[in-house]
Amino acid sequence: MPSMNMRQLRDTRRLKAWLQAGKTVELRERDRVIGHIVPEQPAEQPKQWPDFVARAKEIFGDRVFPNAVIEERKRARY
């Protein structure tokens, strides 16, 4: 585990590189550990949406519905 003392903490490039690599850094003062700097966990990737166009094409094929038919079907549901 990499470590830095209080004076070396000014070197933010090295600290940033360690944190981006996912390493936890020990913070020391006079050879005594006073804390740990822990990198942020990566955000969870958003889930992928299904391909609605491909699903519609699979269900309806190449048929084209006029807007009036679609609106009529929507009203019939309620």
Protein backbone atom coordinates (compact mmCIF):
# COMPACT_ATOMS: atom_id res chain seq x y z
CA MET A 1 0.00 0.00 0.00
CA PRO A 2 1.52 3.36 -0.97
CA SER A 3 1.98 5.90 1.77
CA MET A 4 2.58 9.65 1.98
CA ASN A 5 3.49 12.00 4.75
CA MET A 6 1.86 15.38 5.26
CA ARG A 7 4.46 17.26 3.19
CA GLN A 8 4.20 14.84 0.28
CA LEU A 9 0.46 15.31 0.24
CA ARG A 10 1.08 18.48 -1.76
CA ASP A 11 2.09 16.28 -4.71
CA THR A 12 -1.46 15.84 -5.90
CA ARG A 13 -0.48 14.25 -9.23
CA ARG A 14 1.02 11.18 -7.58
CA LEU A 15 -1.87 10.93 -5.12
CA LYS A 16 -4.41 11.26 -7.94
CA ALA A 17 -2.64 8.57 -10.00
CA TRP A 18 -2.71 6.14 -7.08
CA LEU A 19 -6.39 6.80 -6.38
CA GLN A 20 -7.34 6.40 -10.06
CA ALA A 21 -5.49 3.07 -10.06
CA GLY A 22 -7.77 1.98 -7.19
CA LYS A 23 -5.09 1.97 -4.48
CA THR A 24 -5.70 3.01 -0.88
CA VAL A 25 -3.08 5.49 0.35
CA GLU A 26 -1.79 5.63 3.93
CA LEU A 27 -1.39 9.12 5.35
CA ARG A 28 1.49 9.32 7.84
CA GLU A 29 2.89 11.83 10.28
CA ARG A 30 6.32 11.06 11.72
CA ASP A 31 6.14 7.38 10.74
CA ARG A 32 2.77 6.95 12.40
CA VAL A 33 -0.32 6.16 10.34
CA ILE A 34 -2.96 8.81 10.94
CA GLY A 35 -5.43 7.89 8.21
CA HIS A 36 -6.23 6.25 4.93
CA ILE A 37 -7.37 7.88 1.72
CA VAL A 38 -9.70 5.42 -0.01
CA PRO A 39 -10.65 5.73 -3.70
CA GLU A 40 -14.28 6.19 -4.64
CA GLN A 41 -15.98 3.04 -5.87
CA PRO A 42 -16.88 3.24 -9.55
CA ALA A 43 -20.51 4.06 -10.21
CA GLU A 44 -22.69 1.17 -11.25
CA GLN A 45 -23.16 1.04 -15.00
CA PRO A 46 -26.70 1.83 -16.10
CA LYS A 47 -28.65 -1.12 -17.37
CA GLN A 48 -29.12 -1.32 -21.10
CA TRP A 49 -32.57 -0.70 -22.46
CA PRO A 50 -34.08 -3.34 -24.74
CA ASP A 51 -34.17 -2.65 -28.46
CA PHE A 52 -37.81 -1.60 -28.82
CA VAL A 53 -37.59 -1.11 -32.59
CA ALA A 54 -36.37 -4.69 -33.08
CA ARG A 55 -39.14 -6.00 -30.80
CA ALA A 56 -41.81 -4.09 -32.70
CA LYS A 57 -40.45 -5.34 -36.01
CA GLU A 58 -40.47 -8.89 -34.66
CA ILE A 59 -44.10 -8.58 -33.53
CA PHE A 60 -45.59 -6.52 -36.37
CA GLY A 61 -43.17 -7.16 -39.22
CA ASP A 62 -43.18 -4.48 -41.92
CA ARG A 63 -46.82 -3.48 -41.38
CA VAL A 64 -47.44 0.23 -41.03
CA PHE A 65 -50.31 1.38 -38.83
CA PRO A 66 -51.90 4.75 -39.40
CA ASN A 67 -52.03 7.03 -36.39
CA ALA A 68 -55.83 6.73 -36.08
CA VAL A 69 -55.62 2.96 -35.56
CA ILE A 70 -52.95 3.35 -32.88
CA GLU A 71 -55.02 5.98 -31.02
CA GLU A 72 -58.11 3.77 -31.23
CA ARG A 73 -56.19 0.84 -29.74
CA LYS A 74 -54.90 3.02 -26.90
CA ARG A 75 -58.45 4.14 -26.02
CA ALA A 76 -59.75 0.58 -26.15
CA ARG A 77 -57.39 -0.45 -23.34
CA TYR A 78 -59.14 1.76 -20.77
